[in-house]
Protein backbone atom coordinates (compact mmCIF):
# COMPACT_ATOMS: atom_id res chain seq x y z
CA MET A 1 206.24 -70.73 204.48
CA LYS A 2 207.16 -74.28 202.88
CA ARG A 3 204.02 -75.88 201.79
CA LYS A 4 202.29 -79.23 202.92
CA ARG A 5 203.79 -82.08 200.40
CA GLU A 6 200.30 -83.16 198.86
CA THR A 7 199.29 -86.56 199.34
CA LYS A 8 198.09 -88.68 195.97
CA GLU A 9 194.39 -88.82 197.33
CA GLU A 10 194.28 -85.02 197.69
CA ARG A 11 195.64 -84.42 194.44
CA LYS A 12 192.72 -86.26 193.01
CA ARG A 13 189.77 -84.75 195.11
CA ARG A 14 191.67 -81.55 194.40
CA ALA A 15 191.55 -82.45 190.40
CA ALA A 16 188.16 -83.89 191.10
CA SER A 17 186.74 -79.78 192.14
CA VAL A 18 188.73 -78.60 189.50
CA VAL A 19 186.90 -80.84 186.87
CA ARG A 20 183.58 -79.96 188.79
CA ALA A 21 184.63 -76.25 188.60
CA LEU A 22 185.70 -76.16 184.84
CA ARG A 23 181.95 -78.11 183.73
CA ASN A 24 180.06 -74.94 185.16
CA ARG A 25 182.50 -73.20 182.92
CA TYR A 26 182.23 -75.03 179.63
CA PRO A 27 179.56 -76.86 179.93
CA ASP A 28 179.66 -77.52 176.01
CA ALA A 29 182.78 -78.04 175.83
CA THR A 30 184.15 -80.28 172.58
CA THR A 31 186.55 -79.90 169.93
CA ALA A 32 186.01 -76.43 167.99
CA LEU A 33 187.57 -78.53 164.49
CA THR A 34 184.36 -79.05 162.74
CA PHE A 35 184.20 -82.47 160.86
CA SER A 36 181.45 -84.76 159.42
CA ASN A 37 183.83 -88.10 160.29
CA PRO A 38 186.95 -89.56 162.11
CA PHE A 39 188.91 -89.69 158.93
CA GLU A 40 187.43 -85.52 158.82
CA LEU A 41 188.63 -85.26 161.93
CA LEU A 42 192.11 -86.87 161.75
CA VAL A 43 192.56 -85.14 159.16
CA ALA A 44 191.75 -81.68 160.82
CA THR A 45 194.07 -82.80 163.44
CA VAL A 46 197.07 -83.00 161.92
CA LEU A 47 196.54 -79.68 159.68
CA ALA A 48 196.14 -78.24 163.27
CA ALA A 49 199.46 -78.55 164.48
CA GLN A 50 200.61 -74.82 164.23
CA CYS A 51 197.52 -73.69 163.17
CA THR A 52 194.77 -72.43 164.45
CA ASP A 53 191.34 -74.30 164.62
CA LYS A 54 189.63 -71.36 162.74
CA LYS A 55 191.81 -71.56 160.49
CA VAL A 56 191.69 -74.90 159.83
CA ASN A 57 188.17 -74.68 159.63
CA GLU A 58 188.28 -72.82 156.75
CA VAL A 59 190.73 -74.76 154.90
CA THR A 60 189.07 -77.94 155.21
CA PRO A 61 185.38 -77.57 153.29
CA VAL A 62 187.08 -76.71 150.29
CA LEU A 63 189.54 -80.16 150.66
CA PHE A 64 187.02 -82.69 151.66
CA ARG A 65 185.18 -81.14 148.38
CA LYS A 66 188.55 -82.16 146.21
CA TYR A 67 189.33 -85.20 148.41
CA LYS A 68 186.49 -87.67 149.63
CA GLY A 69 188.00 -90.16 152.39
CA PRO A 70 191.25 -91.59 152.55
CA GLY A 71 190.95 -93.37 149.48
CA GLU A 72 190.94 -90.37 147.65
CA PHE A 73 193.58 -88.59 149.36
CA ALA A 74 196.16 -91.33 149.16
CA ARG A 75 196.00 -91.03 145.24
CA ALA A 76 196.12 -86.89 145.54
CA ARG A 77 198.75 -85.35 144.43
CA ARG A 78 201.55 -83.56 146.81
CA PRO A 79 201.52 -80.35 144.95
CA SER A 80 197.43 -79.97 144.18
CA LEU A 81 196.94 -81.23 148.34
CA GLU A 82 199.39 -78.64 149.14
CA LYS A 83 198.09 -75.74 147.40
CA ILE A 84 195.03 -75.77 149.62
CA ILE A 85 196.78 -76.45 152.94
CA LYS A 86 199.47 -73.98 152.81
CA PRO A 87 197.37 -71.15 154.78
CA THR A 88 197.84 -73.84 157.97
CA GLY A 89 200.96 -73.60 157.85
CA PHE A 90 204.66 -76.34 157.24
CA PHE A 91 201.83 -77.99 154.68
CA ARG A 92 204.79 -80.42 152.88
CA ASN A 93 205.44 -81.58 155.87
CA LYS A 94 201.62 -82.13 156.63
CA SER A 95 200.61 -83.06 153.07
CA ARG A 96 203.09 -85.83 153.06
CA ASN A 97 201.78 -87.41 155.79
CA LEU A 98 198.58 -87.38 155.37
CA VAL A 99 198.94 -88.96 151.72
CA ALA A 100 201.21 -91.48 154.26
CA LEU A 101 198.24 -91.95 156.99
CA SER A 102 195.53 -92.41 154.11
CA LYS A 103 197.06 -95.36 152.22
CA ASP A 104 198.34 -96.74 155.70
CA ILE A 105 194.23 -96.79 156.18
CA VAL A 106 193.45 -97.87 153.18
CA GLU A 107 196.14 -100.61 153.36
CA LYS A 108 195.21 -101.63 156.45
CA HIS A 109 192.16 -100.99 157.85
CA GLY A 110 190.15 -101.71 155.04
CA ALA A 111 189.90 -97.48 154.57
CA VAL A 112 188.20 -97.12 158.14
CA VAL A 113 189.86 -95.26 160.86
CA PRO A 114 190.98 -97.56 163.50
CA ASP A 115 189.25 -96.54 166.95
CA LYS A 116 192.56 -98.17 168.98
CA MET A 117 195.21 -95.88 170.26
CA GLU A 118 197.59 -98.33 169.14
CA ASP A 119 196.29 -99.00 165.08
CA LEU A 120 196.47 -95.18 165.10
CA VAL A 121 199.25 -94.11 166.58
CA ALA A 122 200.76 -97.36 164.10
CA LEU A 123 199.17 -94.52 161.05
CA ARG A 124 202.30 -92.84 159.83
CA GLY A 125 203.00 -89.32 160.87
CA VAL A 126 199.75 -90.14 163.91
CA GLY A 127 201.12 -89.54 167.57
CA ARG A 128 198.96 -89.44 170.91
CA LYS A 129 198.08 -86.09 170.91
CA THR A 130 196.53 -86.74 167.39
CA ALA A 131 195.26 -90.25 168.25
CA ASN A 132 193.32 -89.12 171.50
CA VAL A 133 191.47 -86.24 169.59
CA VAL A 134 189.81 -88.30 167.31
CA LEU A 135 189.39 -91.03 170.01
CA ALA A 136 187.83 -88.30 171.84
CA GLY A 137 185.89 -86.76 169.16
CA ALA A 138 184.80 -89.64 167.16
CA TYR A 139 184.47 -92.31 168.92
CA ASP A 140 183.68 -90.85 172.23
CA THR A 141 186.41 -93.07 173.98
CA PRO A 142 188.08 -91.07 177.52
CA GLY A 143 191.82 -89.66 176.32
CA ILE A 144 193.48 -87.07 177.44
CA ILE A 145 194.30 -84.76 175.01
CA VAL A 146 198.39 -83.07 175.67
CA ASP A 147 198.69 -80.00 173.40
CA THR A 148 200.10 -76.45 174.18
CA HIS A 149 197.28 -75.27 177.08
CA MET A 150 197.41 -78.69 178.40
CA ILE A 151 201.23 -78.62 179.50
CA ARG A 152 201.12 -75.36 181.09
CA ILE A 153 197.78 -75.65 182.80
CA ALA A 154 198.50 -79.22 184.43
CA ASN A 155 202.02 -77.67 185.54
CA ARG A 156 200.49 -74.97 186.93
CA LEU A 157 197.88 -76.79 188.66
CA ARG A 158 200.89 -79.14 189.74
CA PHE A 159 198.88 -82.10 188.54
CA THR A 160 203.04 -83.19 186.99
CA ARG A 161 205.80 -81.40 186.93
CA GLU A 162 206.87 -82.90 183.65
CA LYS A 163 207.41 -80.97 180.11
CA ASP A 164 206.91 -84.41 177.58
CA PRO A 165 203.90 -85.05 177.06
CA VAL A 166 203.75 -88.77 177.13
CA LYS A 167 205.07 -88.30 180.90
CA ILE A 168 202.26 -85.74 181.32
CA GLU A 169 199.55 -87.94 180.13
CA HIS A 170 200.34 -90.82 181.63
CA ASP A 171 200.15 -88.27 185.35
CA LEU A 172 197.03 -87.04 184.49
CA MET A 173 195.50 -90.64 184.16
CA ASP A 174 196.40 -90.93 187.74
CA VAL A 175 194.86 -88.08 189.04
CA LEU A 176 191.44 -87.84 186.51
CA SER A 177 189.07 -90.41 186.61
CA ARG A 178 189.09 -91.94 183.42
CA LYS A 179 185.46 -91.05 182.55
CA VAL A 180 186.09 -87.28 182.35
CA TRP A 181 189.45 -87.97 180.16
CA SER A 182 188.35 -86.25 177.24
CA ASP A 183 185.66 -83.38 178.90
CA PHE A 184 189.38 -82.06 180.38
CA SER A 185 190.57 -81.54 177.56
CA PHE A 186 188.23 -79.81 175.95
CA MET A 187 187.78 -77.48 178.25
CA ILE A 188 191.72 -76.87 179.65
CA VAL A 189 192.07 -75.91 175.70
CA LEU A 190 188.94 -73.26 176.12
CA HIS A 191 190.34 -72.61 179.58
CA GLY A 192 193.73 -72.01 177.84
CA ARG A 193 192.59 -69.31 175.16
CA GLU A 194 190.32 -67.22 177.82
CA VAL A 195 191.85 -67.47 181.34
CA CYS A 196 195.06 -69.28 181.71
CA LYS A 197 196.70 -67.83 179.20
CA ALA A 198 200.48 -68.63 178.38
CA ARG A 199 202.28 -65.02 179.05
CA LYS A 200 199.92 -63.93 181.78
CA PRO A 201 197.12 -65.69 183.54
CA LEU A 202 193.62 -63.92 184.70
CA CYS A 203 194.21 -65.82 188.24
CA HIS A 204 191.34 -62.75 189.26
CA ILE A 205 188.53 -64.24 186.84
CA CYS A 206 189.47 -68.00 187.08
CA ASN A 207 186.65 -70.13 188.64
CA ILE A 208 189.73 -72.49 189.17
CA GLU A 209 191.97 -70.19 191.41
CA LYS A 210 191.72 -71.70 194.92
CA TRP A 211 192.72 -75.19 193.77
CA CYS A 212 195.54 -73.59 191.49
CA PRO A 213 199.21 -74.14 193.96
CA SER A 214 200.94 -72.06 191.25
CA SER A 215 198.01 -68.86 191.10
CA GLU A 216 199.92 -66.86 194.93
CA LEU A 217 203.18 -66.89 192.58
CA GLU A 218 200.92 -65.77 189.29
CA SER A 219 198.28 -63.60 190.00
């Protein structure tokens, strides 16, 4: 039987139900990265690309003891920096980006991490996903963080049919209330790790299953 086409308003109501259910399951959801200021969160987020948050949290204490703030990162010798961050993978590219974005912060923002999307994505090596993590985690500014979990689950929920992160972000902006963007992002990460897994979603223990169009297909 062909499923009735969902209107935008119906999708918004379904999304609100999903958010409420996720809040019940993950009431304290936030970034798993350890940080004490916006710059540390920015660095940790860059390191988290293609790496687990757990591994990043093992590396950053040593990193932040050696390099304190964007000024020291901007002057860092790449071989020394690479040695510390090597366990996070892609360490040469990450070290290049960390030095470059640190120089941008020092030269263009007085060594203060900017709190606006347009300024963050203008930093070398910083995309919208990283910027939204910093905005949501450090500046309490609503942002939709489109990582692999979000791409997978937003598609399974039929909140989007896109694969491009920017298009997914804009689709979710249309469906979700702005005030829940950040919380939804952090909750989706936890849900993706624990329940809605990539290879086989655990629909039988999922508390948003009844609002998920994919559950009949994948359970």
